[in-house]
Amino acid sequence: MTERAEIRQEAAPRCGCCGKGTAAGPAPAGRGVRITAAAVAGTLAGVGALHVVWARSPWPCRDREQFADLVVGVGPERLPSAGACLGVAGLLGAAAGLVASRGGALPPVGPRGLRTAGTATVAGVLLTRALAGPVAFARRSPAFVRLDRRLYAPLCLALGTGAAVVAAKGR
């Protein structure tokens, strides 16, 4: 092989699975990015499914009062409507789809730039919730504040960080 042919071959994108050169477009997302995307997207979808349940039921809490205290940090009279829960569920589903598509866990949908921007937006929203939530929600019920600091905010931080990696390194 000539030196020029070797240089062309090295510059060609490589398949993430087999290492062979590809003729069209960038190499698929690496295995780590796909795993991260699947984990983040699966968790977002699961949390979205919880919001669908919460539109009709306080599960896993015993009643609306306990649910309002632990999950939202307000009195039962201030709980979000079923429509709001379903709206959040839809947004979480869309976020899961964007992250999975950008990370190679699902086939790509739409223009690459839109997948990148969408996944970066998901990361930004989750990281903002993680970092600002404990301050913004500090006056809610003590049980909610404790859960927010131990569970909700750290989960948002992990998901936001994962989504940021997928946005930066996905396809």
C-alpha atoms as a PDB file:
ATOM      1  CA  MET A   1       0.000   0.000   0.000  1.00  0.00           C
ATOM      2  CA  THR A   2       1.345   3.433  -0.835  1.00  0.00           C
ATOM      3  CA  GLU A   3       1.971   6.077   1.789  1.00  0.00           C
ATOM      4  CA  ARG A   4      -0.839   8.233   0.370  1.00  0.00           C
ATOM      5  CA  ALA A   5      -3.322   5.312   0.526  1.00  0.00           C
ATOM      6  CA  GLU A   6      -2.304   4.595   4.147  1.00  0.00           C
ATOM      7  CA  ILE A   7      -2.934   8.224   5.113  1.00  0.00           C
ATOM      8  CA  ARG A   8      -6.361   8.195   3.410  1.00  0.00           C
ATOM      9  CA  GLN A   9      -7.266   4.954   5.173  1.00  0.00           C
ATOM     10  CA  GLU A  10      -6.208   6.303   8.587  1.00  0.00           C
ATOM     11  CA  ALA A  11      -8.271   9.461   8.082  1.00  0.00           C
ATOM     12  CA  ALA A  12     -11.404   7.520   7.122  1.00  0.00           C
ATOM     13  CA  PRO A  13     -13.995   7.067   9.893  1.00  0.00           C
ATOM     14  CA  ARG A  14     -13.884   3.674  11.593  1.00  0.00           C
ATOM     15  CA  CYS A  15     -16.740   1.462  12.710  1.00  0.00           C
ATOM     16  CA  GLY A  16     -17.033   1.249  16.512  1.00  0.00           C
ATOM     17  CA  CYS A  17     -17.900  -2.458  16.316  1.00  0.00           C
ATOM     18  CA  CYS A  18     -15.388  -3.988  13.907  1.00  0.00           C
ATOM     19  CA  GLY A  19     -12.802  -1.215  13.344  1.00  0.00           C
ATOM     20  CA  LYS A  20     -13.235  -1.275   9.570  1.00  0.00           C
ATOM     21  CA  GLY A  21     -13.302   1.973   7.674  1.00  0.00           C
ATOM     22  CA  THR A  22     -16.713   3.341   6.737  1.00  0.00           C
ATOM     23  CA  ALA A  23     -17.470   5.246   3.576  1.00  0.00           C
ATOM     24  CA  ALA A  24     -20.314   7.369   4.875  1.00  0.00           C
ATOM     25  CA  GLY A  25     -20.279   9.634   7.888  1.00  0.00           C
ATOM     26  CA  PRO A  26     -18.756   9.398  11.323  1.00  0.00           C
ATOM     27  CA  ALA A  27     -18.177   6.165  13.184  1.00  0.00           C
ATOM     28  CA  PRO A  28     -20.999   5.001  15.439  1.00  0.00           C
ATOM     29  CA  ALA A  29     -20.929   6.033  19.093  1.00  0.00           C
ATOM     30  CA  GLY A  30     -18.576   3.947  21.213  1.00  0.00           C
ATOM     31  CA  ARG A  31     -19.800   1.181  23.489  1.00  0.00           C
ATOM     32  CA  GLY A  32     -19.400   3.304  26.638  1.00  0.00           C
ATOM     33  CA  VAL A  33     -21.504   6.091  25.150  1.00  0.00           C
ATOM     34  CA  ARG A  34     -24.196   3.600  24.105  1.00  0.00           C
ATOM     35  CA  ILE A  35     -24.267   2.086  27.595  1.00  0.00           C
ATOM     36  CA  THR A  36     -24.436   5.537  29.197  1.00  0.00           C
ATOM     37  CA  ALA A  37     -27.203   6.578  26.805  1.00  0.00           C
ATOM     38  CA  ALA A  38     -29.183   3.414  27.530  1.00  0.00           C
ATOM     39  CA  ALA A  39     -28.821   3.877  31.297  1.00  0.00           C
ATOM     40  CA  VAL A  40     -29.799   7.559  31.230  1.00  0.00           C
ATOM     41  CA  ALA A  41     -32.642   7.027  28.755  1.00  0.00           C
ATOM     42  CA  GLY A  42     -33.960   4.014  30.656  1.00  0.00           C
ATOM     43  CA  THR A  43     -33.962   5.921  33.932  1.00  0.00           C
ATOM     44  CA  LEU A  44     -35.672   8.940  32.342  1.00  0.00           C
ATOM     45  CA  ALA A  45     -38.299   6.638  30.834  1.00  0.00           C
ATOM     46  CA  GLY A  46     -38.818   4.963  34.208  1.00  0.00           C
ATOM     47  CA  VAL A  47     -39.260   8.303  35.967  1.00  0.00           C
ATOM     48  CA  GLY A  48     -41.652   9.292  33.173  1.00  0.00           C
ATOM     49  CA  ALA A  49     -43.659   6.119  33.791  1.00  0.00           C
ATOM     50  CA  LEU A  50     -43.822   7.035  37.492  1.00  0.00           C
ATOM     51  CA  HIS A  51     -45.329  10.388  36.531  1.00  0.00           C
ATOM     52  CA  VAL A  52     -47.997   8.588  34.504  1.00  0.00           C
ATOM     53  CA  VAL A  53     -48.831   6.495  37.588  1.00  0.00           C
ATOM     54  CA  TRP A  54     -48.821   9.619  39.772  1.00  0.00           C
ATOM     55  CA  ALA A  55     -51.442  11.211  37.534  1.00  0.00           C
ATOM     56  CA  ARG A  56     -53.891   8.656  39.000  1.00  0.00           C
ATOM     57  CA  SER A  57     -52.348   7.270  42.200  1.00  0.00           C
ATOM     58  CA  PRO A  58     -50.018   8.242  45.069  1.00  0.00           C
ATOM     59  CA  TRP A  59     -48.110   4.950  44.714  1.00  0.00           C
ATOM     60  CA  PRO A  60     -45.816   3.931  46.409  1.00  0.00           C
ATOM     61  CA  CYS A  61     -47.066   6.143  49.247  1.00  0.00           C
ATOM     62  CA  ARG A  62     -50.052   5.078  51.329  1.00  0.00           C
ATOM     63  CA  ASP A  63     -52.125   8.221  50.618  1.00  0.00           C
ATOM     64  CA  ARG A  64     -52.117  11.666  48.963  1.00  0.00           C
ATOM     65  CA  GLU A  65     -50.928  13.387  52.169  1.00  0.00           C
ATOM     66  CA  GLN A  66     -47.804  11.240  52.437  1.00  0.00           C
ATOM     67  CA  PHE A  67     -47.205  11.558  48.685  1.00  0.00           C
ATOM     68  CA  ALA A  68     -47.509  15.357  48.833  1.00  0.00           C
ATOM     69  CA  ASP A  69     -45.060  15.500  51.744  1.00  0.00           C
ATOM     70  CA  LEU A  70     -42.384  13.095  50.419  1.00  0.00           C
ATOM     71  CA  VAL A  71     -42.517  13.559  46.644  1.00  0.00           C
ATOM     72  CA  VAL A  72     -43.537  17.194  46.181  1.00  0.00           C
ATOM     73  CA  GLY A  73     -42.917  18.761  49.602  1.00  0.00           C
ATOM     74  CA  VAL A  74     -46.265  20.582  49.774  1.00  0.00           C
ATOM     75  CA  GLY A  75     -49.691  20.064  51.291  1.00  0.00           C
ATOM     76  CA  PRO A  76     -52.120  17.793  49.402  1.00  0.00           C
ATOM     77  CA  GLU A  77     -54.165  20.814  48.295  1.00  0.00           C
ATOM     78  CA  ARG A  78     -51.148  22.093  46.316  1.00  0.00           C
ATOM     79  CA  LEU A  79     -50.372  18.868  44.426  1.00  0.00           C
ATOM     80  CA  PRO A  80     -49.889  19.281  40.672  1.00  0.00           C
ATOM     81  CA  SER A  81     -52.818  18.253  38.471  1.00  0.00           C
ATOM     82  CA  ALA A  82     -53.017  14.964  36.603  1.00  0.00           C
ATOM     83  CA  GLY A  83     -52.454  16.937  33.381  1.00  0.00           C
ATOM     84  CA  ALA A  84     -49.239  18.421  34.761  1.00  0.00           C
ATOM     85  CA  CYS A  85     -48.015  14.940  35.740  1.00  0.00           C
ATOM     86  CA  LEU A  86     -48.772  13.664  32.245  1.00  0.00           C
ATOM     87  CA  GLY A  87     -47.035  16.674  30.699  1.00  0.00           C
ATOM     88  CA  VAL A  88     -43.892  15.962  32.714  1.00  0.00           C
ATOM     89  CA  ALA A  89     -44.156  12.291  31.708  1.00  0.00           C
ATOM     90  CA  GLY A  90     -44.256  13.315  28.043  1.00  0.00           C
ATOM     91  CA  LEU A  91     -41.225  15.576  28.431  1.00  0.00           C
ATOM     92  CA  LEU A  92     -39.303  12.815  30.183  1.00  0.00           C
ATOM     93  CA  GLY A  93     -40.227  10.396  27.382  1.00  0.00           C
ATOM     94  CA  ALA A  94     -39.000  12.854  24.758  1.00  0.00           C
ATOM     95  CA  ALA A  95     -35.796  13.396  26.743  1.00  0.00           C
ATOM     96  CA  ALA A  96     -35.253   9.628  26.936  1.00  0.00           C
ATOM     97  CA  GLY A  97     -35.727   9.316  23.173  1.00  0.00           C
ATOM     98  CA  LEU A  98     -33.288  12.154  22.439  1.00  0.00           C
ATOM     99  CA  VAL A  99     -30.576  10.747  24.698  1.00  0.00           C
ATOM    100  CA  ALA A 100     -31.020   7.185  23.371  1.00  0.00           C
ATOM    101  CA  SER A 101     -30.946   8.367  19.754  1.00  0.00           C
ATOM    102  CA  ARG A 102     -27.893  10.608  20.221  1.00  0.00           C
ATOM    103  CA  GLY A 103     -26.038   7.893  22.139  1.00  0.00           C
ATOM    104  CA  GLY A 104     -26.672   5.074  19.685  1.00  0.00           C
ATOM    105  CA  ALA A 105     -28.960   3.085  21.993  1.00  0.00           C
ATOM    106  CA  LEU A 106     -31.742   3.683  19.432  1.00  0.00           C
ATOM    107  CA  PRO A 107     -31.436   4.412  15.711  1.00  0.00           C
ATOM    108  CA  PRO A 108     -30.765   8.097  14.986  1.00  0.00           C
ATOM    109  CA  VAL A 109     -33.871  10.205  14.457  1.00  0.00           C
ATOM    110  CA  GLY A 110     -33.702  13.652  12.898  1.00  0.00           C
ATOM    111  CA  PRO A 111     -30.710  15.824  12.080  1.00  0.00           C
ATOM    112  CA  ARG A 112     -27.547  15.245  14.100  1.00  0.00           C
ATOM    113  CA  GLY A 113     -27.396  18.881  15.192  1.00  0.00           C
ATOM    114  CA  LEU A 114     -30.913  18.682  16.592  1.00  0.00           C
ATOM    115  CA  ARG A 115     -30.101  15.476  18.510  1.00  0.00           C
ATOM    116  CA  THR A 116     -26.985  17.143  19.910  1.00  0.00           C
ATOM    117  CA  ALA A 117     -28.808  20.336  20.921  1.00  0.00           C
ATOM    118  CA  GLY A 118     -31.724  18.385  22.384  1.00  0.00           C
ATOM    119  CA  THR A 119     -29.482  16.120  24.445  1.00  0.00           C
ATOM    120  CA  ALA A 120     -27.427  19.096  25.629  1.00  0.00           C
ATOM    121  CA  THR A 121     -30.677  20.784  26.694  1.00  0.00           C
ATOM    122  CA  VAL A 122     -31.709  17.665  28.625  1.00  0.00           C
ATOM    123  CA  ALA A 123     -28.309  17.714  30.344  1.00  0.00           C
ATOM    124  CA  GLY A 124     -28.637  21.410  31.151  1.00  0.00           C
ATOM    125  CA  VAL A 125     -32.117  21.044  32.650  1.00  0.00           C
ATOM    126  CA  LEU A 126     -31.085  18.068  34.787  1.00  0.00           C
ATOM    127  CA  LEU A 127     -27.862  19.704  35.979  1.00  0.00           C
ATOM    128  CA  THR A 128     -29.738  22.911  36.814  1.00  0.00           C
ATOM    129  CA  ARG A 129     -32.289  20.892  38.821  1.00  0.00           C
ATOM    130  CA  ALA A 130     -29.474  19.059  40.599  1.00  0.00           C
ATOM    131  CA  LEU A 131     -27.561  22.176  41.579  1.00  0.00           C
ATOM    132  CA  ALA A 132     -30.372  24.696  42.130  1.00  0.00           C
ATOM    133  CA  GLY A 133     -33.016  22.332  43.507  1.00  0.00           C
ATOM    134  CA  PRO A 134     -31.679  22.069  47.058  1.00  0.00           C
ATOM    135  CA  VAL A 135     -31.661  25.868  47.313  1.00  0.00           C
ATOM    136  CA  ALA A 136     -34.944  26.481  45.473  1.00  0.00           C
ATOM    137  CA  PHE A 137     -36.791  23.825  47.477  1.00  0.00           C
ATOM    138  CA  ALA A 138     -35.196  24.503  50.885  1.00  0.00           C
ATOM    139  CA  ARG A 139     -38.518  25.790  52.326  1.00  0.00           C
ATOM    140  CA  ARG A 140     -40.536  22.697  51.408  1.00  0.00           C
ATOM    141  CA  SER A 141     -41.404  20.007  53.940  1.00  0.00           C
ATOM    142  CA  PRO A 142     -38.469  18.608  55.958  1.00  0.00           C
ATOM    143  CA  ALA A 143     -39.119  15.084  54.614  1.00  0.00           C
ATOM    144  CA  PHE A 144     -38.956  16.335  51.014  1.00  0.00           C
ATOM    145  CA  VAL A 145     -35.804  18.391  51.670  1.00  0.00           C
ATOM    146  CA  ARG A 146     -34.097  15.329  53.143  1.00  0.00           C
ATOM    147  CA  LEU A 147     -35.099  13.161  50.146  1.00  0.00           C
ATOM    148  CA  ASP A 148     -34.139  15.904  47.710  1.00  0.00           C
ATOM    149  CA  ARG A 149     -30.635  16.174  49.141  1.00  0.00           C
ATOM    150  CA  ARG A 150     -30.132  12.412  49.411  1.00  0.00           C
ATOM    151  CA  LEU A 151     -31.957  11.117  46.329  1.00  0.00           C
ATOM    152  CA  TYR A 152     -33.627  13.551  43.910  1.00  0.00           C
ATOM    153  CA  ALA A 153     -30.784  16.047  43.395  1.00  0.00           C
ATOM    154  CA  PRO A 154     -28.015  13.375  43.204  1.00  0.00           C
ATOM    155  CA  LEU A 155     -30.097  11.417  40.676  1.00  0.00           C
ATOM    156  CA  CYS A 156     -30.515  14.559  38.560  1.00  0.00           C
ATOM    157  CA  LEU A 157     -26.764  15.199  38.832  1.00  0.00           C
ATOM    158  CA  ALA A 158     -25.931  11.671  37.645  1.00  0.00           C
ATOM    159  CA  LEU A 159     -28.475  11.776  34.809  1.00  0.00           C
ATOM    160  CA  GLY A 160     -27.407  15.278  33.761  1.00  0.00           C
ATOM    161  CA  THR A 161     -23.750  14.283  33.716  1.00  0.00           C
ATOM    162  CA  GLY A 162     -24.556  11.177  31.687  1.00  0.00           C
ATOM    163  CA  ALA A 163     -26.650  13.193  29.230  1.00  0.00           C
ATOM    164  CA  ALA A 164     -23.793  15.721  28.883  1.00  0.00           C
ATOM    165  CA  VAL A 165     -21.377  12.909  27.992  1.00  0.00           C
ATOM    166  CA  VAL A 166     -23.833  11.573  25.418  1.00  0.00           C
ATOM    167  CA  ALA A 167     -24.356  15.058  23.972  1.00  0.00           C
ATOM    168  CA  ALA A 168     -20.605  15.546  23.621  1.00  0.00           C
ATOM    169  CA  LYS A 169     -19.597  12.105  22.376  1.00  0.00           C
ATOM    170  CA  GLY A 170     -22.703  10.597  20.779  1.00  0.00           C
ATOM    171  CA  ARG A 171     -23.594  10.396  17.121  1.00  0.00           C
END
